[in-house]
């Protein structure tokens, strides 16, 4: 149903859910809107870590990303409220 709501194929939705494909920022926005949740909630974990620990994890992750994923991460971050 979600794939229909956001106008992507069910096959593409399955790939996104299984981590075999990455949604575009526009698709992420559509998913959040269809689920009536803020886009940030699509990235939340079930546990809480301090902001300092999370910032350090972000720094470490940035070091391993290629240019394409750095640009994608920036687009996601730029669209947070």
PDB file of N, CA and C in Angstrom:
ATOM      1  N   UNK A   1       0.816  -1.198   0.000  1.00  0.00           N
ATOM      2  CA  UNK A   1       0.000   0.000   0.000  1.00  0.00           C
ATOM      3  C   UNK A   1       0.856   1.257   0.000  1.00  0.00           C
ATOM      4  N   UNK A   2       1.934   1.220   0.770  1.00  0.00           N
ATOM      5  CA  UNK A   2       2.781   2.408   0.863  1.00  0.00           C
ATOM      6  C   UNK A   2       3.380   2.747  -0.497  1.00  0.00           C
ATOM      7  N   UNK A   3       3.825   1.740  -1.230  1.00  0.00           N
ATOM      8  CA  UNK A   3       4.415   2.011  -2.540  1.00  0.00           C
ATOM      9  C   UNK A   3       3.407   2.701  -3.459  1.00  0.00           C
ATOM     10  N   UNK A   4       2.154   2.325  -3.374  1.00  0.00           N
ATOM     11  CA  UNK A   4       1.120   2.973  -4.179  1.00  0.00           C
ATOM     12  C   UNK A   4       0.932   4.423  -3.760  1.00  0.00           C
ATOM     13  N   UNK A   5       0.920   4.660  -2.457  1.00  0.00           N
ATOM     14  CA  UNK A   5       0.728   6.019  -1.938  1.00  0.00           C
ATOM     15  C   UNK A   5       1.834   6.969  -2.375  1.00  0.00           C
ATOM     16  N   UNK A   6       3.054   6.444  -2.474  1.00  0.00           N
ATOM     17  CA  UNK A   6       4.173   7.327  -2.804  1.00  0.00           C
ATOM     18  C   UNK A   6       4.614   7.186  -4.259  1.00  0.00           C
ATOM     19  N   UNK A   7       3.846   6.417  -5.019  1.00  0.00           N
ATOM     20  CA  UNK A   7       4.044   6.288  -6.449  1.00  0.00           C
ATOM     21  C   UNK A   7       5.398   5.701  -6.848  1.00  0.00           C
ATOM     22  N   UNK A   8       5.745   4.579  -6.187  1.00  0.00           N
ATOM     23  CA  UNK A   8       6.896   3.790  -6.623  1.00  0.00           C
ATOM     24  C   UNK A   8       6.435   2.340  -6.746  1.00  0.00           C
ATOM     25  N   UNK A   9       7.206   1.545  -7.434  1.00  0.00           N
ATOM     26  CA  UNK A   9       6.805   0.150  -7.625  1.00  0.00           C
ATOM     27  C   UNK A   9       6.962  -0.631  -6.317  1.00  0.00           C
ATOM     28  N   UNK A  10       6.132  -1.652  -6.114  1.00  0.00           N
ATOM     29  CA  UNK A  10       6.289  -2.498  -4.931  1.00  0.00           C
ATOM     30  C   UNK A  10       7.692  -3.108  -4.865  1.00  0.00           C
ATOM     31  N   UNK A  11       8.234  -3.452  -6.015  1.00  0.00           N
ATOM     32  CA  UNK A  11       9.583  -4.026  -6.063  1.00  0.00           C
ATOM     33  C   UNK A  11      10.621  -3.044  -5.520  1.00  0.00           C
ATOM     34  N   UNK A  12      10.504  -1.771  -5.925  1.00  0.00           N
ATOM     35  CA  UNK A  12      11.426  -0.749  -5.426  1.00  0.00           C
ATOM     36  C   UNK A  12      11.253  -0.563  -3.922  1.00  0.00           C
ATOM     37  N   UNK A  13      10.014  -0.617  -3.442  1.00  0.00           N
ATOM     38  CA  UNK A  13       9.754  -0.471  -2.009  1.00  0.00           C
ATOM     39  C   UNK A  13      10.424  -1.598  -1.227  1.00  0.00           C
ATOM     40  N   UNK A  14      10.332  -2.804  -1.725  1.00  0.00           N
ATOM     41  CA  UNK A  14      10.964  -3.953  -1.061  1.00  0.00           C
ATOM     42  C   UNK A  14      12.481  -3.756  -1.013  1.00  0.00           C
ATOM     43  N   UNK A  15      13.063  -3.287  -2.109  1.00  0.00           N
ATOM     44  CA  UNK A  15      14.512  -3.047  -2.137  1.00  0.00           C
ATOM     45  C   UNK A  15      14.911  -2.012  -1.088  1.00  0.00           C
ATOM     46  N   UNK A  16      14.117  -0.972  -0.950  1.00  0.00           N
ATOM     47  CA  UNK A  16      14.398   0.055   0.066  1.00  0.00           C
ATOM     48  C   UNK A  16      14.299  -0.562   1.453  1.00  0.00           C
ATOM     49  N   UNK A  17      13.239  -1.304   1.702  1.00  0.00           N
ATOM     50  CA  UNK A  17      13.034  -1.917   3.019  1.00  0.00           C
ATOM     51  C   UNK A  17      14.148  -2.887   3.383  1.00  0.00           C
ATOM     52  N   UNK A  18      14.701  -3.566   2.393  1.00  0.00           N
ATOM     53  CA  UNK A  18      15.745  -4.557   2.656  1.00  0.00           C
ATOM     54  C   UNK A  18      17.154  -3.960   2.606  1.00  0.00           C
ATOM     55  N   UNK A  19      17.249  -2.661   2.368  1.00  0.00           N
ATOM     56  CA  UNK A  19      18.549  -2.015   2.321  1.00  0.00           C
ATOM     57  C   UNK A  19      19.325  -2.294   1.046  1.00  0.00           C
ATOM     58  N   UNK A  20      18.637  -2.741   0.004  1.00  0.00           N
ATOM     59  CA  UNK A  20      19.284  -3.028  -1.277  1.00  0.00           C
ATOM     60  C   UNK A  20      19.251  -1.825  -2.217  1.00  0.00           C
ATOM     61  N   UNK A  21      18.474  -0.811  -1.858  1.00  0.00           N
ATOM     62  CA  UNK A  21      18.386   0.429  -2.633  1.00  0.00           C
ATOM     63  C   UNK A  21      18.180   1.568  -1.645  1.00  0.00           C
ATOM     64  N   UNK A  22      18.680   2.731  -2.020  1.00  0.00           N
ATOM     65  CA  UNK A  22      18.513   3.913  -1.184  1.00  0.00           C
ATOM     66  C   UNK A  22      17.486   4.834  -1.816  1.00  0.00           C
ATOM     67  N   UNK A  23      16.506   5.275  -1.042  1.00  0.00           N
ATOM     68  CA  UNK A  23      15.504   6.177  -1.600  1.00  0.00           C
ATOM     69  C   UNK A  23      16.092   7.564  -1.815  1.00  0.00           C
ATOM     70  N   UNK A  24      15.551   8.261  -2.792  1.00  0.00           N
ATOM     71  CA  UNK A  24      15.943   9.657  -2.989  1.00  0.00           C
ATOM     72  C   UNK A  24      15.372  10.482  -1.844  1.00  0.00           C
ATOM     73  N   UNK A  25      15.846  11.689  -1.715  1.00  0.00           N
ATOM     74  CA  UNK A  25      15.314  12.580  -0.684  1.00  0.00           C
ATOM     75  C   UNK A  25      13.824  12.818  -0.917  1.00  0.00           C
ATOM     76  N   UNK A  26      13.451  12.955  -2.166  1.00  0.00           N
ATOM     77  CA  UNK A  26      12.040  13.164  -2.491  1.00  0.00           C
ATOM     78  C   UNK A  26      11.202  11.962  -2.055  1.00  0.00           C
ATOM     79  N   UNK A  27      11.706  10.768  -2.272  1.00  0.00           N
ATOM     80  CA  UNK A  27      10.987   9.561  -1.843  1.00  0.00           C
ATOM     81  C   UNK A  27      10.897   9.505  -0.326  1.00  0.00           C
ATOM     82  N   UNK A  28      11.972   9.867   0.362  1.00  0.00           N
ATOM     83  CA  UNK A  28      11.933   9.904   1.831  1.00  0.00           C
ATOM     84  C   UNK A  28      10.863  10.873   2.325  1.00  0.00           C
ATOM     85  N   UNK A  29      10.779  12.018   1.688  1.00  0.00           N
ATOM     86  CA  UNK A  29       9.754  12.996   2.062  1.00  0.00           C
ATOM     87  C   UNK A  29       8.360  12.417   1.849  1.00  0.00           C
ATOM     88  N   UNK A  30       8.162  11.725   0.730  1.00  0.00           N
ATOM     89  CA  UNK A  30       6.858  11.120   0.443  1.00  0.00           C
ATOM     90  C   UNK A  30       6.518  10.033   1.457  1.00  0.00           C
ATOM     91  N   UNK A  31       7.512   9.225   1.826  1.00  0.00           N
ATOM     92  CA  UNK A  31       7.280   8.168   2.818  1.00  0.00           C
ATOM     93  C   UNK A  31       6.869   8.786   4.148  1.00  0.00           C
ATOM     94  N   UNK A  32       7.614   9.788   4.597  1.00  0.00           N
ATOM     95  CA  UNK A  32       7.292  10.445   5.868  1.00  0.00           C
ATOM     96  C   UNK A  32       5.897  11.055   5.822  1.00  0.00           C
ATOM     97  N   UNK A  33       5.577  11.695   4.708  1.00  0.00           N
ATOM     98  CA  UNK A  33       4.255  12.308   4.567  1.00  0.00           C
ATOM     99  C   UNK A  33       3.152  11.251   4.577  1.00  0.00           C
ATOM    100  N   UNK A  34       3.355  10.166   3.845  1.00  0.00           N
ATOM    101  CA  UNK A  34       2.344   9.101   3.787  1.00  0.00           C
ATOM    102  C   UNK A  34       2.130   8.465   5.157  1.00  0.00           C
ATOM    103  N   UNK A  35       3.205   8.379   5.934  1.00  0.00           N
ATOM    104  CA  UNK A  35       3.102   7.790   7.275  1.00  0.00           C
ATOM    105  C   UNK A  35       2.726   8.822   8.330  1.00  0.00           C
ATOM    106  N   UNK A  36       2.647  10.083   7.894  1.00  0.00           N
ATOM    107  CA  UNK A  36       2.303  11.192   8.790  1.00  0.00           C
ATOM    108  C   UNK A  36       3.278  11.302   9.961  1.00  0.00           C
ATOM    109  N   UNK A  37       4.567  11.224   9.641  1.00  0.00           N
ATOM    110  CA  UNK A  37       5.615  11.343  10.649  1.00  0.00           C
ATOM    111  C   UNK A  37       6.690  12.303  10.133  1.00  0.00           C
ATOM    112  N   UNK A  38       7.466  12.911  11.027  1.00  0.00           N
ATOM    113  CA  UNK A  38       8.577  13.733  10.563  1.00  0.00           C
ATOM    114  C   UNK A  38       9.646  12.858   9.915  1.00  0.00           C
ATOM    115  N   UNK A  39      10.359  13.396   8.947  1.00  0.00           N
ATOM    116  CA  UNK A  39      11.368  12.623   8.222  1.00  0.00           C
ATOM    117  C   UNK A  39      12.427  12.058   9.179  1.00  0.00           C
ATOM    118  N   UNK A  40      12.727  12.784  10.257  1.00  0.00           N
ATOM    119  CA  UNK A  40      13.717  12.307  11.224  1.00  0.00           C
ATOM    120  C   UNK A  40      13.335  10.952  11.805  1.00  0.00           C
ATOM    121  N   UNK A  41      12.048  10.725  11.977  1.00  0.00           N
ATOM    122  CA  UNK A  41      11.614   9.478  12.616  1.00  0.00           C
ATOM    123  C   UNK A  41      11.954   8.252  11.769  1.00  0.00           C
ATOM    124  N   UNK A  42      12.212   8.450  10.486  1.00  0.00           N
ATOM    125  CA  UNK A  42      12.594   7.324   9.634  1.00  0.00           C
ATOM    126  C   UNK A  42      13.995   6.824   9.959  1.00  0.00           C
ATOM    127  N   UNK A  43      14.746   7.617  10.713  1.00  0.00           N
ATOM    128  CA  UNK A  43      16.131   7.278  11.028  1.00  0.00           C
ATOM    129  C   UNK A  43      16.364   7.017  12.513  1.00  0.00           C
ATOM    130  N   UNK A  44      15.309   7.053  13.310  1.00  0.00           N
ATOM    131  CA  UNK A  44      15.463   6.880  14.751  1.00  0.00           C
ATOM    132  C   UNK A  44      15.675   5.420  15.117  1.00  0.00           C
ATOM    133  N   UNK A  45      16.468   5.220  16.137  1.00  0.00           N
ATOM    134  CA  UNK A  45      16.694   3.883  16.685  1.00  0.00           C
ATOM    135  C   UNK A  45      15.813   3.683  17.910  1.00  0.00           C
ATOM    136  N   UNK A  46      15.739   2.455  18.367  1.00  0.00           N
ATOM    137  CA  UNK A  46      14.932   2.144  19.539  1.00  0.00           C
ATOM    138  C   UNK A  46      15.663   2.440  20.844  1.00  0.00           C
ATOM    139  N   UNK A  47      16.870   2.930  20.762  1.00  0.00           N
ATOM    140  CA  UNK A  47      17.631   3.244  21.963  1.00  0.00           C
ATOM    141  C   UNK A  47      18.114   4.676  21.893  1.00  0.00           C
ATOM    142  N   UNK A  48      18.512   5.191  23.043  1.00  0.00           N
ATOM    143  CA  UNK A  48      18.979   6.570  23.111  1.00  0.00           C
ATOM    144  C   UNK A  48      20.440   6.600  23.518  1.00  0.00           C
ATOM    145  N   UNK A  49      21.198   7.399  22.798  1.00  0.00           N
ATOM    146  CA  UNK A  49      22.577   7.660  23.183  1.00  0.00           C
ATOM    147  C   UNK A  49      22.735   9.164  23.332  1.00  0.00           C
ATOM    148  N   UNK A  50      23.694   9.571  24.110  1.00  0.00           N
ATOM    149  CA  UNK A  50      23.878  11.000  24.337  1.00  0.00           C
ATOM    150  C   UNK A  50      24.231  11.700  23.029  1.00  0.00           C
ATOM    151  N   UNK A  51      23.899  12.977  22.915  1.00  0.00           N
ATOM    152  CA  UNK A  51      24.251  13.730  21.712  1.00  0.00           C
ATOM    153  C   UNK A  51      25.748  13.707  21.414  1.00  0.00           C
ATOM    154  N   UNK A  52      26.577  13.685  22.446  1.00  0.00           N
ATOM    155  CA  UNK A  52      28.025  13.657  22.247  1.00  0.00           C
ATOM    156  C   UNK A  52      28.457  12.355  21.571  1.00  0.00           C
ATOM    157  N   UNK A  53      27.897  11.258  22.025  1.00  0.00           N
ATOM    158  CA  UNK A  53      28.224   9.957  21.427  1.00  0.00           C
ATOM    159  C   UNK A  53      27.729   9.912  19.990  1.00  0.00           C
ATOM    160  N   UNK A  54      26.518  10.406  19.748  1.00  0.00           N
ATOM    161  CA  UNK A  54      25.965  10.405  18.400  1.00  0.00           C
ATOM    162  C   UNK A  54      26.791  11.288  17.462  1.00  0.00           C
ATOM    163  N   UNK A  55      27.232  12.433  17.935  1.00  0.00           N
ATOM    164  CA  UNK A  55      28.075  13.310  17.118  1.00  0.00           C
ATOM    165  C   UNK A  55      29.375  12.613  16.740  1.00  0.00           C
ATOM    166  N   UNK A  56      29.957  11.906  17.681  1.00  0.00           N
ATOM    167  CA  UNK A  56      31.197  11.180  17.394  1.00  0.00           C
ATOM    168  C   UNK A  56      30.954  10.065  16.377  1.00  0.00           C
ATOM    169  N   UNK A  57      29.854   9.359  16.505  1.00  0.00           N
ATOM    170  CA  UNK A  57      29.520   8.310  15.546  1.00  0.00           C
ATOM    171  C   UNK A  57      29.312   8.898  14.148  1.00  0.00           C
ATOM    172  N   UNK A  58      28.693  10.074  14.089  1.00  0.00           N
ATOM    173  CA  UNK A  58      28.500  10.750  12.805  1.00  0.00           C
ATOM    174  C   UNK A  58      29.845  11.114  12.192  1.00  0.00           C
ATOM    175  N   UNK A  59      30.741  11.682  13.006  1.00  0.00           N
ATOM    176  CA  UNK A  59      32.082  12.029  12.515  1.00  0.00           C
ATOM    177  C   UNK A  59      32.803  10.795  11.960  1.00  0.00           C
ATOM    178  N   UNK A  60      32.733   9.697  12.694  1.00  0.00           N
ATOM    179  CA  UNK A  60      33.384   8.463  12.250  1.00  0.00           C
ATOM    180  C   UNK A  60      32.771   7.953  10.948  1.00  0.00           C
ATOM    181  N   UNK A  61      31.465   8.004  10.863  1.00  0.00           N
ATOM    182  CA  UNK A  61      30.784   7.534   9.657  1.00  0.00           C
ATOM    183  C   UNK A  61      31.152   8.394   8.453  1.00  0.00           C
ATOM    184  N   UNK A  62      31.238   9.702   8.647  1.00  0.00           N
ATOM    185  CA  UNK A  62      31.600  10.604   7.556  1.00  0.00           C
ATOM    186  C   UNK A  62      32.950  10.240   6.941  1.00  0.00           C
ATOM    187  N   UNK A  63      33.868   9.807   7.777  1.00  0.00           N
ATOM    188  CA  UNK A  63      35.205   9.457   7.296  1.00  0.00           C
ATOM    189  C   UNK A  63      35.181   8.297   6.301  1.00  0.00           C
ATOM    190  N   UNK A  64      34.188   7.431   6.403  1.00  0.00           N
ATOM    191  CA  UNK A  64      34.153   6.248   5.545  1.00  0.00           C
ATOM    192  C   UNK A  64      33.243   6.405   4.318  1.00  0.00           C
ATOM    193  N   UNK A  65      32.544   7.527   4.212  1.00  0.00           N
ATOM    194  CA  UNK A  65      31.598   7.701   3.110  1.00  0.00           C
ATOM    195  C   UNK A  65      32.272   8.207   1.843  1.00  0.00           C
ATOM    196  N   UNK A  66      31.740   7.779   0.705  1.00  0.00           N
ATOM    197  CA  UNK A  66      32.211   8.327  -0.565  1.00  0.00           C
ATOM    198  C   UNK A  66      31.474   9.643  -0.838  1.00  0.00           C
ATOM    199  N   UNK A  67      31.886  10.317  -1.887  1.00  0.00           N
ATOM    200  CA  UNK A  67      31.334  11.642  -2.186  1.00  0.00           C
ATOM    201  C   UNK A  67      29.819  11.607  -2.386  1.00  0.00           C
ATOM    202  N   UNK A  68      29.323  10.604  -3.092  1.00  0.00           N
ATOM    203  CA  UNK A  68      27.881  10.495  -3.349  1.00  0.00           C
ATOM    204  C   UNK A  68      27.095  10.423  -2.037  1.00  0.00           C
ATOM    205  N   UNK A  69      27.556   9.592  -1.109  1.00  0.00           N
ATOM    206  CA  UNK A  69      26.837   9.435   0.156  1.00  0.00           C
ATOM    207  C   UNK A  69      26.999  10.642   1.069  1.00  0.00           C
ATOM    208  N   UNK A  70      28.124  11.335   0.983  1.00  0.00           N
ATOM    209  CA  UNK A  70      28.283  12.578   1.752  1.00  0.00           C
ATOM    210  C   UNK A  70      27.262  13.601   1.269  1.00  0.00           C
ATOM    211  N   UNK A  71      27.119  13.708  -0.047  1.00  0.00           N
ATOM    212  CA  UNK A  71      26.133  14.647  -0.601  1.00  0.00           C
ATOM    213  C   UNK A  71      24.714  14.253  -0.197  1.00  0.00           C
ATOM    214  N   UNK A  72      24.402  12.951  -0.235  1.00  0.00           N
ATOM    215  CA  UNK A  72      23.081  12.478   0.175  1.00  0.00           C
ATOM    216  C   UNK A  72      22.828  12.808   1.651  1.00  0.00           C
ATOM    217  N   UNK A  73      23.807  12.533   2.498  1.00  0.00           N
ATOM    218  CA  UNK A  73      23.658  12.819   3.919  1.00  0.00           C
ATOM    219  C   UNK A  73      23.435  14.310   4.160  1.00  0.00           C
ATOM    220  N   UNK A  74      24.152  15.135   3.416  1.00  0.00           N
ATOM    221  CA  UNK A  74      23.956  16.582   3.555  1.00  0.00           C
ATOM    222  C   UNK A  74      22.524  16.964   3.193  1.00  0.00           C
ATOM    223  N   UNK A  75      21.997  16.415   2.098  1.00  0.00           N
ATOM    224  CA  UNK A  75      20.630  16.735   1.694  1.00  0.00           C
ATOM    225  C   UNK A  75      19.619  16.330   2.757  1.00  0.00           C
ATOM    226  N   UNK A  76      19.839  15.174   3.347  1.00  0.00           N
ATOM    227  CA  UNK A  76      18.942  14.729   4.426  1.00  0.00           C
ATOM    228  C   UNK A  76      19.027  15.698   5.601  1.00  0.00           C
ATOM    229  N   UNK A  77      20.252  15.999   6.036  1.00  0.00           N
ATOM    230  CA  UNK A  77      20.452  16.887   7.189  1.00  0.00           C
ATOM    231  C   UNK A  77      19.881  18.287   6.918  1.00  0.00           C
ATOM    232  N   UNK A  78      20.035  18.771   5.704  1.00  0.00           N
ATOM    233  CA  UNK A  78      19.549  20.104   5.363  1.00  0.00           C
ATOM    234  C   UNK A  78      18.026  20.194   5.406  1.00  0.00           C
ATOM    235  N   UNK A  79      17.357  19.058   5.330  1.00  0.00           N
ATOM    236  CA  UNK A  79      15.889  19.062   5.335  1.00  0.00           C
ATOM    237  C   UNK A  79      15.283  18.709   6.691  1.00  0.00           C
ATOM    238  N   UNK A  80      16.097  18.619   7.713  1.00  0.00           N
ATOM    239  CA  UNK A  80      15.570  18.364   9.055  1.00  0.00           C
ATOM    240  C   UNK A  80      15.009  19.646   9.630  1.00  0.00           C
ATOM    241  N   UNK A  81      13.976  19.525  10.400  1.00  0.00           N
ATOM    242  CA  UNK A  81      13.372  20.705  11.036  1.00  0.00           C
ATOM    243  C   UNK A  81      14.067  21.061  12.313  1.00  0.00           C
TER     244      UNK A  81
END
